[in-house]
Amino acid sequence: MSTIRLPEFRLIGIKLPRKTTNKNGQSGIDCGALWQKFQQEGIPEKIPGRLSDEIYAVYFGYEGDHTAPFSYFIGCKVTPGTPVPEGLDSIGIPAQDYNKITAKGKMPDCIAYAWKDIWESDMKRACTYDFEIYDSRSNDWDNAEIDIFVSAT
């Protein structure tokens, strides 16, 4: 794990219509459904001003720690000032320090295991904006690598 400072950036994509929770596996159901919508509706192709093919999954709007409700967003990084198409949403990620962890292995299990380790660790979390970046290393679901950025205090 390493701590790095990232500059602010903006994403366009879709978000859950309401907050979700990790209680009883609800976030897995809600976030999985949002991923299906993102892929089935070809959302990346609808995003103007995309800077790359990377996909960001963002956890934000925390009402406490990982046991409390939070919001979830999936999208792509865009150039500043890009207009948001009808039916899509936008989110700004502020400049801040992040702990970077790389999840490796079979998808989606490696992500679940990485988050479980994060929750059980003594890592000092800001619980502001946390995100995963899905790039070409995540295409092989049997041997994926996904970078996770956890907001640091």
N, C-alpha and C. Protein backbone atom coordinates (compact mmCIF):
# COMPACT_ATOMS: atom_id res chain seq x y z
N MET A 1 0.86 -1.18 0.00
CA MET A 1 0.00 0.00 0.00
C MET A 1 0.89 1.23 0.00
N SER A 2 0.51 2.21 -0.79
CA SER A 2 1.23 3.47 -0.81
C SER A 2 0.23 4.61 -0.72
N THR A 3 0.68 5.75 -0.20
CA THR A 3 -0.17 6.93 -0.10
C THR A 3 0.29 7.94 -1.14
N ILE A 4 -0.67 8.42 -1.94
CA ILE A 4 -0.36 9.39 -2.98
C ILE A 4 -1.39 10.51 -2.98
N ARG A 5 -1.00 11.65 -3.49
CA ARG A 5 -1.93 12.79 -3.63
C ARG A 5 -2.36 12.85 -5.08
N LEU A 6 -3.66 12.90 -5.30
CA LEU A 6 -4.20 13.01 -6.64
C LEU A 6 -4.87 14.37 -6.82
N PRO A 7 -4.75 14.96 -8.00
CA PRO A 7 -5.44 16.23 -8.27
C PRO A 7 -6.93 15.99 -8.45
N GLU A 8 -7.70 17.05 -8.40
CA GLU A 8 -9.14 16.90 -8.61
C GLU A 8 -9.41 16.49 -10.06
N PHE A 9 -10.53 15.81 -10.26
CA PHE A 9 -10.95 15.43 -11.60
C PHE A 9 -12.46 15.25 -11.61
N ARG A 10 -13.00 15.15 -12.81
CA ARG A 10 -14.45 15.05 -12.99
C ARG A 10 -14.79 13.80 -13.78
N LEU A 11 -15.92 13.19 -13.41
CA LEU A 11 -16.42 11.99 -14.08
C LEU A 11 -17.84 12.23 -14.58
N ILE A 12 -18.18 11.57 -15.66
CA ILE A 12 -19.56 11.52 -16.14
C ILE A 12 -19.94 10.05 -16.24
N GLY A 13 -21.15 9.73 -15.80
CA GLY A 13 -21.62 8.35 -15.83
C GLY A 13 -23.00 8.24 -15.21
N ILE A 14 -23.21 7.19 -14.41
CA ILE A 14 -24.50 6.97 -13.76
C ILE A 14 -24.29 6.65 -12.28
N LYS A 15 -25.32 6.94 -11.49
CA LYS A 15 -25.22 6.64 -10.06
C LYS A 15 -26.48 5.92 -9.60
N LEU A 16 -26.34 5.28 -8.45
CA LEU A 16 -27.51 4.65 -7.84
C LEU A 16 -28.54 5.73 -7.52
N PRO A 17 -29.81 5.45 -7.70
CA PRO A 17 -30.84 6.45 -7.40
C PRO A 17 -31.00 6.72 -5.90
N ARG A 18 -30.47 5.81 -5.07
CA ARG A 18 -30.55 5.99 -3.62
C ARG A 18 -29.29 5.38 -3.01
N LYS A 19 -29.07 5.66 -1.75
CA LYS A 19 -27.90 5.09 -1.08
C LYS A 19 -28.08 3.60 -0.87
N THR A 20 -26.96 2.90 -0.73
CA THR A 20 -26.98 1.47 -0.46
C THR A 20 -26.18 1.22 0.82
N THR A 21 -26.13 -0.03 1.23
CA THR A 21 -25.42 -0.40 2.45
C THR A 21 -24.78 -1.77 2.26
N ASN A 22 -23.73 -2.02 3.02
CA ASN A 22 -23.09 -3.33 2.98
C ASN A 22 -23.87 -4.37 3.79
N LYS A 23 -24.88 -3.93 4.53
CA LYS A 23 -25.67 -4.83 5.36
C LYS A 23 -26.39 -5.87 4.51
N ASN A 24 -26.29 -7.12 4.89
CA ASN A 24 -26.96 -8.24 4.22
C ASN A 24 -26.63 -8.34 2.73
N GLY A 25 -25.44 -7.86 2.34
CA GLY A 25 -25.02 -7.96 0.94
C GLY A 25 -25.77 -7.05 -0.02
N GLN A 26 -26.50 -6.06 0.50
CA GLN A 26 -27.32 -5.20 -0.36
C GLN A 26 -26.48 -4.42 -1.37
N SER A 27 -25.30 -3.94 -0.96
CA SER A 27 -24.48 -3.16 -1.89
C SER A 27 -24.02 -4.01 -3.07
N GLY A 28 -23.76 -5.29 -2.83
CA GLY A 28 -23.38 -6.17 -3.93
C GLY A 28 -24.49 -6.29 -4.97
N ILE A 29 -25.71 -6.34 -4.51
CA ILE A 29 -26.87 -6.43 -5.40
C ILE A 29 -27.05 -5.11 -6.14
N ASP A 30 -27.06 -3.99 -5.39
CA ASP A 30 -27.30 -2.67 -5.99
C ASP A 30 -26.19 -2.27 -6.96
N CYS A 31 -24.94 -2.43 -6.51
CA CYS A 31 -23.81 -2.02 -7.35
C CYS A 31 -23.69 -2.94 -8.56
N GLY A 32 -23.95 -4.22 -8.38
CA GLY A 32 -23.93 -5.16 -9.51
C GLY A 32 -24.97 -4.79 -10.56
N ALA A 33 -26.16 -4.39 -10.11
CA ALA A 33 -27.22 -3.98 -11.05
C ALA A 33 -26.81 -2.71 -11.80
N LEU A 34 -26.13 -1.78 -11.11
CA LEU A 34 -25.69 -0.56 -11.78
C LEU A 34 -24.62 -0.88 -12.82
N TRP A 35 -23.72 -1.80 -12.52
CA TRP A 35 -22.71 -2.24 -13.50
C TRP A 35 -23.39 -2.84 -14.73
N GLN A 36 -24.41 -3.66 -14.51
CA GLN A 36 -25.13 -4.26 -15.64
C GLN A 36 -25.73 -3.18 -16.53
N LYS A 37 -26.36 -2.20 -15.90
CA LYS A 37 -26.96 -1.10 -16.65
C LYS A 37 -25.88 -0.34 -17.42
N PHE A 38 -24.76 -0.07 -16.77
CA PHE A 38 -23.65 0.67 -17.37
C PHE A 38 -23.17 -0.04 -18.64
N GLN A 39 -23.03 -1.35 -18.56
CA GLN A 39 -22.54 -2.12 -19.70
C GLN A 39 -23.62 -2.32 -20.76
N GLN A 40 -24.81 -2.75 -20.35
CA GLN A 40 -25.88 -3.07 -21.30
C GLN A 40 -26.36 -1.86 -22.08
N GLU A 41 -26.35 -0.69 -21.44
CA GLU A 41 -26.82 0.53 -22.12
C GLU A 41 -25.69 1.27 -22.83
N GLY A 42 -24.48 0.69 -22.83
CA GLY A 42 -23.36 1.31 -23.54
C GLY A 42 -23.03 2.70 -23.03
N ILE A 43 -23.10 2.88 -21.73
CA ILE A 43 -22.88 4.21 -21.14
C ILE A 43 -21.53 4.82 -21.53
N PRO A 44 -20.43 4.05 -21.53
CA PRO A 44 -19.14 4.69 -21.89
C PRO A 44 -19.18 5.39 -23.26
N GLU A 45 -19.87 4.80 -24.21
CA GLU A 45 -19.94 5.39 -25.55
C GLU A 45 -20.79 6.67 -25.57
N LYS A 46 -21.61 6.89 -24.55
CA LYS A 46 -22.47 8.06 -24.48
C LYS A 46 -21.79 9.23 -23.76
N ILE A 47 -20.58 9.00 -23.23
CA ILE A 47 -19.89 10.02 -22.45
C ILE A 47 -18.97 10.84 -23.36
N PRO A 48 -19.29 12.13 -23.54
CA PRO A 48 -18.43 12.98 -24.36
C PRO A 48 -17.18 13.40 -23.58
N GLY A 49 -16.13 13.72 -24.28
CA GLY A 49 -14.93 14.26 -23.62
C GLY A 49 -14.18 13.25 -22.77
N ARG A 50 -14.38 11.95 -23.02
CA ARG A 50 -13.67 10.93 -22.25
C ARG A 50 -12.17 11.06 -22.47
N LEU A 51 -11.42 10.97 -21.39
CA LEU A 51 -9.97 11.08 -21.49
C LEU A 51 -9.29 9.73 -21.71
N SER A 52 -10.00 8.64 -21.42
CA SER A 52 -9.43 7.30 -21.60
C SER A 52 -10.57 6.28 -21.55
N ASP A 53 -10.21 5.01 -21.67
CA ASP A 53 -11.20 3.94 -21.56
C ASP A 53 -11.33 3.44 -20.13
N GLU A 54 -10.60 4.03 -19.19
CA GLU A 54 -10.71 3.62 -17.80
C GLU A 54 -12.11 3.89 -17.26
N ILE A 55 -12.58 2.97 -16.42
CA ILE A 55 -13.89 3.13 -15.78
C ILE A 55 -13.65 3.26 -14.28
N TYR A 56 -14.30 4.26 -13.69
CA TYR A 56 -14.18 4.53 -12.27
C TYR A 56 -15.46 4.12 -11.55
N ALA A 57 -15.31 3.40 -10.45
CA ALA A 57 -16.43 3.07 -9.58
C ALA A 57 -16.17 3.81 -8.27
N VAL A 58 -17.07 4.74 -7.92
CA VAL A 58 -16.83 5.65 -6.80
C VAL A 58 -17.83 5.41 -5.66
N TYR A 59 -17.28 5.35 -4.47
CA TYR A 59 -18.06 5.24 -3.23
C TYR A 59 -17.96 6.61 -2.55
N PHE A 60 -19.09 7.22 -2.23
CA PHE A 60 -19.07 8.57 -1.66
C PHE A 60 -20.33 8.80 -0.84
N GLY A 61 -20.43 9.98 -0.25
CA GLY A 61 -21.63 10.32 0.52
C GLY A 61 -21.82 9.40 1.72
N TYR A 62 -20.71 8.97 2.30
CA TYR A 62 -20.77 8.07 3.45
C TYR A 62 -21.51 8.72 4.62
N GLU A 63 -22.35 7.94 5.27
CA GLU A 63 -23.04 8.41 6.47
C GLU A 63 -22.31 7.93 7.73
N GLY A 64 -21.14 7.39 7.56
CA GLY A 64 -20.33 6.88 8.67
C GLY A 64 -19.24 6.01 8.11
N ASP A 65 -18.96 4.89 8.76
CA ASP A 65 -17.94 3.97 8.27
C ASP A 65 -18.54 3.01 7.24
N HIS A 66 -17.83 1.91 6.98
CA HIS A 66 -18.27 0.99 5.93
C HIS A 66 -19.58 0.26 6.25
N THR A 67 -20.06 0.39 7.48
CA THR A 67 -21.33 -0.27 7.84
C THR A 67 -22.53 0.63 7.61
N ALA A 68 -22.29 1.91 7.31
CA ALA A 68 -23.36 2.89 7.14
C ALA A 68 -23.69 3.07 5.65
N PRO A 69 -24.85 3.65 5.33
CA PRO A 69 -25.21 3.89 3.94
C PRO A 69 -24.22 4.79 3.21
N PHE A 70 -24.14 4.58 1.88
CA PHE A 70 -23.25 5.37 1.03
C PHE A 70 -23.83 5.42 -0.38
N SER A 71 -23.30 6.33 -1.19
CA SER A 71 -23.71 6.47 -2.59
C SER A 71 -22.68 5.79 -3.48
N TYR A 72 -23.09 5.46 -4.72
CA TYR A 72 -22.22 4.74 -5.64
C TYR A 72 -22.41 5.29 -7.05
N PHE A 73 -21.31 5.45 -7.76
CA PHE A 73 -21.29 6.06 -9.09
C PHE A 73 -20.33 5.28 -9.98
N ILE A 74 -20.67 5.11 -11.24
CA ILE A 74 -19.78 4.48 -12.22
C ILE A 74 -19.67 5.43 -13.41
N GLY A 75 -18.43 5.74 -13.82
CA GLY A 75 -18.27 6.63 -14.95
C GLY A 75 -16.85 6.70 -15.46
N CYS A 76 -16.62 7.67 -16.33
CA CYS A 76 -15.31 7.87 -16.96
C CYS A 76 -14.83 9.29 -16.72
N LYS A 77 -13.51 9.44 -16.65
CA LYS A 77 -12.89 10.76 -16.46
C LYS A 77 -13.06 11.55 -17.75
N VAL A 78 -13.43 12.84 -17.59
CA VAL A 78 -13.68 13.71 -18.75
C VAL A 78 -12.89 15.00 -18.62
N THR A 79 -12.77 15.69 -19.75
CA THR A 79 -12.10 16.99 -19.75
C THR A 79 -12.97 17.99 -18.98
N PRO A 80 -12.33 18.95 -18.29
CA PRO A 80 -13.10 19.95 -17.55
C PRO A 80 -14.06 20.69 -18.48
N GLY A 81 -15.24 20.97 -17.98
CA GLY A 81 -16.24 21.72 -18.75
C GLY A 81 -17.06 20.88 -19.70
N THR A 82 -16.85 19.57 -19.74
CA THR A 82 -17.63 18.71 -20.63
C THR A 82 -19.10 18.74 -20.20
N PRO A 83 -20.02 19.01 -21.13
CA PRO A 83 -21.44 19.01 -20.77
C PRO A 83 -21.92 17.60 -20.45
N VAL A 84 -22.85 17.51 -19.51
CA VAL A 84 -23.39 16.22 -19.09
C VAL A 84 -24.61 15.90 -19.95
N PRO A 85 -24.55 14.81 -20.71
CA PRO A 85 -25.70 14.44 -21.55
C PRO A 85 -26.93 14.12 -20.70
N GLU A 86 -28.10 14.34 -21.29
CA GLU A 86 -29.34 14.01 -20.62
C GLU A 86 -29.35 12.53 -20.25
N GLY A 87 -29.79 12.25 -19.03
CA GLY A 87 -29.86 10.88 -18.55
C GLY A 87 -28.60 10.40 -17.84
N LEU A 88 -27.54 11.20 -17.87
CA LEU A 88 -26.31 10.85 -17.17
C LEU A 88 -26.08 11.81 -16.01
N ASP A 89 -25.12 11.46 -15.17
CA ASP A 89 -24.79 12.27 -14.00
C ASP A 89 -23.31 12.63 -14.05
N SER A 90 -22.91 13.55 -13.19
CA SER A 90 -21.52 13.96 -13.10
C SER A 90 -21.13 14.03 -11.63
N ILE A 91 -19.86 13.80 -11.36
CA ILE A 91 -19.35 13.90 -10.00
C ILE A 91 -17.93 14.46 -10.07
N GLY A 92 -17.63 15.36 -9.14
CA GLY A 92 -16.29 15.91 -9.03
C GLY A 92 -15.56 15.24 -7.88
N ILE A 93 -14.37 14.78 -8.14
CA ILE A 93 -13.55 14.16 -7.11
C ILE A 93 -12.51 15.21 -6.70
N PRO A 94 -12.49 15.61 -5.42
CA PRO A 94 -11.56 16.66 -5.00
C PRO A 94 -10.12 16.15 -4.91
N ALA A 95 -9.18 17.07 -4.98
CA ALA A 95 -7.77 16.73 -4.76
C ALA A 95 -7.65 16.28 -3.31
N GLN A 96 -7.00 15.17 -3.09
CA GLN A 96 -6.77 14.69 -1.73
C GLN A 96 -5.78 13.54 -1.73
N ASP A 97 -5.39 13.12 -0.52
CA ASP A 97 -4.49 11.99 -0.37
C ASP A 97 -5.28 10.70 -0.37
N TYR A 98 -4.68 9.67 -0.98
CA TYR A 98 -5.31 8.36 -1.07
C TYR A 98 -4.31 7.27 -0.71
N ASN A 99 -4.82 6.23 -0.07
CA ASN A 99 -4.07 5.00 0.08
C ASN A 99 -4.40 4.16 -1.14
N LYS A 100 -3.35 3.70 -1.84
CA LYS A 100 -3.57 2.91 -3.06
C LYS A 100 -3.29 1.44 -2.77
N ILE A 101 -4.29 0.62 -3.08
CA ILE A 101 -4.20 -0.82 -2.92
C ILE A 101 -4.52 -1.44 -4.27
N THR A 102 -3.83 -2.50 -4.65
CA THR A 102 -4.14 -3.17 -5.90
C THR A 102 -4.72 -4.55 -5.60
N ALA A 103 -5.96 -4.75 -6.03
CA ALA A 103 -6.62 -6.05 -5.88
C ALA A 103 -6.20 -6.91 -7.07
N LYS A 104 -5.85 -8.16 -6.80
CA LYS A 104 -5.41 -9.08 -7.85
C LYS A 104 -6.11 -10.41 -7.69
N GLY A 105 -6.53 -10.99 -8.83
CA GLY A 105 -7.13 -12.32 -8.79
C GLY A 105 -8.38 -12.41 -9.64
N LYS A 106 -9.23 -13.35 -9.26
CA LYS A 106 -10.48 -13.63 -9.99
C LYS A 106 -11.53 -12.58 -9.63
N MET A 107 -12.18 -12.05 -10.65
CA MET A 107 -13.23 -11.06 -10.46
C MET A 107 -14.57 -11.75 -10.24
N PRO A 108 -15.47 -11.18 -9.46
CA PRO A 108 -15.31 -9.98 -8.65
C PRO A 108 -14.78 -10.27 -7.24
N ASP A 109 -14.41 -11.52 -7.00
CA ASP A 109 -13.98 -11.91 -5.65
C ASP A 109 -12.80 -11.09 -5.15
N CYS A 110 -11.82 -10.81 -6.03
CA CYS A 110 -10.63 -10.09 -5.56
C CYS A 110 -10.99 -8.70 -5.03
N ILE A 111 -12.00 -8.07 -5.60
CA ILE A 111 -12.45 -6.75 -5.10
C ILE A 111 -13.08 -6.91 -3.72
N ALA A 112 -13.94 -7.89 -3.57
CA ALA A 112 -14.59 -8.12 -2.27
C ALA A 112 -13.56 -8.42 -1.18
N TYR A 113 -12.57 -9.24 -1.50
CA TYR A 113 -11.53 -9.58 -0.52
C TYR A 113 -10.70 -8.35 -0.16
N ALA A 114 -10.37 -7.53 -1.17
CA ALA A 114 -9.58 -6.33 -0.91
C ALA A 114 -10.32 -5.37 0.02
N TRP A 115 -11.62 -5.17 -0.24
CA TRP A 115 -12.40 -4.27 0.62
C TRP A 115 -12.54 -4.85 2.03
N LYS A 116 -12.70 -6.15 2.14
CA LYS A 116 -12.78 -6.77 3.46
C LYS A 116 -11.49 -6.51 4.24
N ASP A 117 -10.35 -6.65 3.56
CA ASP A 117 -9.06 -6.37 4.20
C ASP A 117 -8.96 -4.90 4.61
N ILE A 118 -9.45 -4.01 3.76
CA ILE A 118 -9.42 -2.57 4.08
C ILE A 118 -10.27 -2.30 5.32
N TRP A 119 -11.48 -2.85 5.36
CA TRP A 119 -12.37 -2.63 6.50
C TRP A 119 -11.80 -3.17 7.79
N GLU A 120 -11.09 -4.30 7.71
CA GLU A 120 -10.55 -4.93 8.91
C GLU A 120 -9.18 -4.38 9.32
N SER A 121 -8.62 -3.52 8.49
CA SER A 121 -7.29 -2.97 8.79
C SER A 121 -7.41 -1.78 9.74
N ASP A 122 -6.26 -1.28 10.16
CA ASP A 122 -6.25 -0.08 11.00
C ASP A 122 -5.99 1.17 10.16
N MET A 123 -6.23 1.07 8.85
CA MET A 123 -6.04 2.20 7.94
C MET A 123 -6.91 3.38 8.37
N LYS A 124 -6.31 4.55 8.42
CA LYS A 124 -7.04 5.78 8.75
C LYS A 124 -7.74 6.26 7.49
N ARG A 125 -9.07 6.18 7.48
CA ARG A 125 -9.85 6.54 6.32
C ARG A 125 -10.60 7.85 6.52
N ALA A 126 -10.62 8.67 5.47
CA ALA A 126 -11.39 9.91 5.51
C ALA A 126 -12.86 9.67 5.22
N CYS A 127 -13.17 8.57 4.52
CA CYS A 127 -14.55 8.25 4.13
C CYS A 127 -15.20 9.41 3.39
N THR A 128 -14.47 9.92 2.38
CA THR A 128 -15.02 10.98 1.54
C THR A 128 -15.33 10.41 0.16
N TYR A 129 -14.30 10.21 -0.65
CA TYR A 129 -14.44 9.61 -1.98
C TYR A 129 -13.42 8.49 -2.10
N ASP A 130 -13.90 7.27 -2.26
CA ASP A 130 -13.05 6.12 -2.52
C ASP A 130 -13.42 5.61 -3.90
N PHE A 131 -12.45 5.08 -4.63
CA PHE A 131 -12.80 4.59 -5.97
C PHE A 131 -11.87 3.48 -6.44
N GLU A 132 -12.40 2.73 -7.40
CA GLU A 132 -11.67 1.67 -8.09
C GLU A 132 -11.51 2.12 -9.53
N ILE A 133 -10.37 1.76 -10.14
CA ILE A 133 -10.15 2.07 -11.55
C ILE A 133 -10.03 0.76 -12.31
N TYR A 134 -10.91 0.60 -13.28
CA TYR A 134 -10.91 -0.58 -14.14
C TYR A 134 -10.30 -0.18 -15.48
N ASP A 135 -9.16 -0.81 -15.81
CA ASP A 135 -8.48 -0.54 -17.06
C ASP A 135 -8.19 -1.85 -17.76
N SER A 136 -7.25 -1.85 -18.70
CA SER A 136 -6.98 -3.07 -19.48
C SER A 136 -6.54 -4.24 -18.60
N ARG A 137 -5.98 -3.95 -17.42
CA ARG A 137 -5.55 -5.03 -16.52
C ARG A 137 -6.73 -5.77 -15.88
N SER A 138 -7.92 -5.22 -15.99
CA SER A 138 -9.09 -5.87 -15.39
C SER A 138 -9.93 -6.65 -16.40
N ASN A 139 -9.48 -6.72 -17.64
CA ASN A 139 -10.25 -7.41 -18.68
C ASN A 139 -10.27 -8.92 -18.53
N ASP A 140 -9.19 -9.51 -18.01
CA ASP A 140 -9.13 -10.95 -17.80
C ASP A 140 -9.70 -11.25 -16.43
N TRP A 141 -10.95 -11.68 -16.37
CA TRP A 141 -11.64 -11.87 -15.09
C TRP A 141 -11.05 -12.98 -14.24
N ASP A 142 -10.24 -13.84 -14.83
CA ASP A 142 -9.60 -14.90 -14.04
C ASP A 142 -8.29 -14.43 -13.43
N ASN A 143 -7.74 -13.33 -13.93
CA ASN A 143 -6.46 -12.84 -13.44
C ASN A 143 -6.44 -11.31 -13.55
N ALA A 144 -7.34 -10.66 -12.83
CA ALA A 144 -7.51 -9.21 -12.94
C ALA A 144 -6.65 -8.45 -11.95
N GLU A 145 -6.39 -7.18 -12.29
CA GLU A 145 -5.75 -6.23 -11.38
C GLU A 145 -6.56 -4.95 -11.41
N ILE A 146 -6.97 -4.49 -10.24
CA ILE A 146 -7.78 -3.29 -10.11
C ILE A 146 -7.17 -2.43 -9.02
N ASP A 147 -6.91 -1.17 -9.34
CA ASP A 147 -6.38 -0.25 -8.33
C ASP A 147 -7.54 0.34 -7.53
N ILE A 148 -7.39 0.33 -6.20
CA ILE A 148 -8.38 0.90 -5.29
C ILE A 148 -7.74 2.08 -4.59
N PHE A 149 -8.42 3.22 -4.61
CA PHE A 149 -7.93 4.41 -3.95
C PHE A 149 -8.86 4.74 -2.79
N VAL A 150 -8.32 4.70 -1.58
CA VAL A 150 -9.09 4.92 -0.37
C VAL A 150 -8.68 6.27 0.20
N SER A 151 -9.66 7.18 0.37
CA SER A 151 -9.36 8.52 0.87
C SER A 151 -8.69 8.43 2.25
N ALA A 152 -7.55 9.11 2.37
CA ALA A 152 -6.74 9.05 3.59
C ALA A 152 -6.97 10.30 4.44
N THR A 153 -6.73 10.14 5.74
CA THR A 153 -6.86 11.29 6.65
C THR A 153 -5.53 12.00 6.77
